[in-house]
C-alpha atoms as a PDB file:
ATOM      1  CA  PRO A   1     120.086  72.708  79.714  1.00  0.00           C
ATOM      2  CA  GLY A   2     118.101  75.389  77.923  1.00  0.00           C
ATOM      3  CA  ALA A   3     114.539  74.326  80.203  1.00  0.00           C
ATOM      4  CA  ALA A   4     113.233  76.674  82.700  1.00  0.00           C
ATOM      5  CA  ALA A   5     110.316  76.350  85.007  1.00  0.00           C
ATOM      6  CA  ASP A   6     108.102  78.715  86.383  1.00  0.00           C
ATOM      7  CA  ILE A   7     106.938  78.002  89.913  1.00  0.00           C
ATOM      8  CA  VAL A   8     104.125  79.334  92.274  1.00  0.00           C
ATOM      9  CA  LEU A   9     104.286  78.657  95.799  1.00  0.00           C
ATOM     10  CA  ILE A  10     100.652  78.711  97.591  1.00  0.00           C
ATOM     11  CA  ASP A  11      99.464  78.953 101.166  1.00  0.00           C
ATOM     12  CA  PRO A  12      96.377  77.126 101.348  1.00  0.00           C
ATOM     13  CA  LYS A  13      95.319  78.621 104.531  1.00  0.00           C
ATOM     14  CA  LYS A  14      95.043  81.988 103.827  1.00  0.00           C
ATOM     15  CA  LYS A  15      92.249  83.631 101.564  1.00  0.00           C
ATOM     16  CA  THR A  16      92.745  85.849  98.472  1.00  0.00           C
ATOM     17  CA  THR A  17      90.304  88.638  97.470  1.00  0.00           C
ATOM     18  CA  PHE A  18      90.807  89.359  93.910  1.00  0.00           C
ATOM     19  CA  SER A  19      91.006  92.967  92.881  1.00  0.00           C
ATOM     20  CA  ALA A  20      92.457  95.284  89.954  1.00  0.00           C
ATOM     21  CA  LYS A  21      94.108  97.287  92.539  1.00  0.00           C
ATOM     22  CA  THR A  22      96.319  94.350  94.053  1.00  0.00           C
ATOM     23  CA  HIS A  23      97.213  92.153  90.794  1.00  0.00           C
ATOM     24  CA  HIS A  24     100.292  92.502  88.725  1.00  0.00           C
ATOM     25  CA  ALA A  25      98.872  93.195  85.448  1.00  0.00           C
ATOM     26  CA  ARG A  26      98.750  96.192  83.121  1.00  0.00           C
ATOM     27  CA  VAL A  27      94.819  96.170  82.783  1.00  0.00           C
ATOM     28  CA  ASP A  28      92.499  98.312  84.935  1.00  0.00           C
ATOM     29  CA  TYR A  29      89.979  95.319  85.468  1.00  0.00           C
ATOM     30  CA  ASN A  30      89.830  91.945  87.023  1.00  0.00           C
ATOM     31  CA  PRO A  31      86.899  89.739  85.870  1.00  0.00           C
ATOM     32  CA  TYR A  32      87.033  88.344  89.044  1.00  0.00           C
ATOM     33  CA  GLU A  33      86.877  91.741  91.349  1.00  0.00           C
ATOM     34  CA  GLY A  34      85.696  91.146  94.908  1.00  0.00           C
ATOM     35  CA  LYS A  35      85.648  87.588  94.602  1.00  0.00           C
ATOM     36  CA  THR A  36      87.399  85.558  97.754  1.00  0.00           C
ATOM     37  CA  VAL A  37      89.079  82.362  97.441  1.00  0.00           C
ATOM     38  CA  ALA A  38      91.088  79.555  99.502  1.00  0.00           C
ATOM     39  CA  GLY A  39      94.550  80.105  98.986  1.00  0.00           C
ATOM     40  CA  ALA A  40      97.091  82.752  98.719  1.00  0.00           C
ATOM     41  CA  ILE A  41     100.176  83.289  96.546  1.00  0.00           C
ATOM     42  CA  THR A  42     103.339  83.585  98.769  1.00  0.00           C
ATOM     43  CA  GLU A  43     105.892  83.444  96.036  1.00  0.00           C
ATOM     44  CA  VAL A  44     106.456  83.338  92.170  1.00  0.00           C
ATOM     45  CA  PHE A  45     109.587  82.185  90.246  1.00  0.00           C
ATOM     46  CA  VAL A  46     109.986  82.843  86.636  1.00  0.00           C
ATOM     47  CA  ARG A  47     112.673  81.353  84.543  1.00  0.00           C
ATOM     48  CA  GLY A  48     114.374  80.969  87.589  1.00  0.00           C
ATOM     49  CA  LYS A  49     114.016  84.685  88.813  1.00  0.00           C
ATOM     50  CA  HIS A  50     112.292  85.638  92.129  1.00  0.00           C
ATOM     51  CA  MET A  51     109.337  87.888  90.988  1.00  0.00           C
ATOM     52  CA  VAL A  52     107.003  88.039  93.641  1.00  0.00           C
ATOM     53  CA  ASN A  53     107.520  87.693  97.227  1.00  0.00           C
ATOM     54  CA  GLY A  54     103.960  88.001  99.257  1.00  0.00           C
ATOM     55  CA  ALA A  55     102.024  90.722  97.556  1.00  0.00           C
ATOM     56  CA  LYS A  56     105.249  92.823  96.566  1.00  0.00           C
ATOM     57  CA  PHE A  57     105.836  92.499  92.980  1.00  0.00           C
ATOM     58  CA  MET A  58     110.189  92.200  92.571  1.00  0.00           C
ATOM     59  CA  GLY A  59     110.719  91.499  89.034  1.00  0.00           C
ATOM     60  CA  LYS A  60     110.513  93.573  85.979  1.00  0.00           C
ATOM     61  CA  LEU A  61     108.389  92.697  82.964  1.00  0.00           C
ATOM     62  CA  ASP A  62     110.132  91.135  80.441  1.00  0.00           C
ATOM     63  CA  GLY A  63     107.866  88.731  78.459  1.00  0.00           C
ATOM     64  CA  ARG A  64     108.964  86.922  75.253  1.00  0.00           C
ATOM     65  CA  PHE A  65     106.794  85.783  72.299  1.00  0.00           C
ATOM     66  CA  MET A  66     107.565  82.270  71.798  1.00  0.00           C
ATOM     67  CA  LYS A  67     106.566  81.248  68.081  1.00  0.00           C
ATOM     68  CA  ARG A  68     104.772  77.794  67.693  1.00  0.00           C
ATOM     69  CA  THR A  69     103.763  75.627  64.930  1.00  0.00           C
ATOM     70  CA  PRO A  70      99.803  76.211  64.244  1.00  0.00           C
ATOM     71  CA  ARG A  71      97.887  73.135  65.574  1.00  0.00           C
ATOM     72  CA  ASN A  72      95.044  71.406  64.095  1.00  0.00           C
ATOM     73  CA  PHE A  73      92.691  70.001  66.799  1.00  0.00           C
ATOM     74  CA  ASN A  74      90.073  68.426  64.724  1.00  0.00           C
END
């Protein structure tokens, strides 16, 4: 109870070409623009909600700030 997972399903037999025109973000660039990689995202679930089906964004943007205690990695 109180825990949630984000799940991404990938088809390893498909290929993906990165593009700012096709990603689901609020920026107009992609640092990997034009690069083709093996694997394609088929489904995305965030906190139990179906957010992406193939290339179609189905959810709503509802990110939340999660306050964390600062860490010292020294």
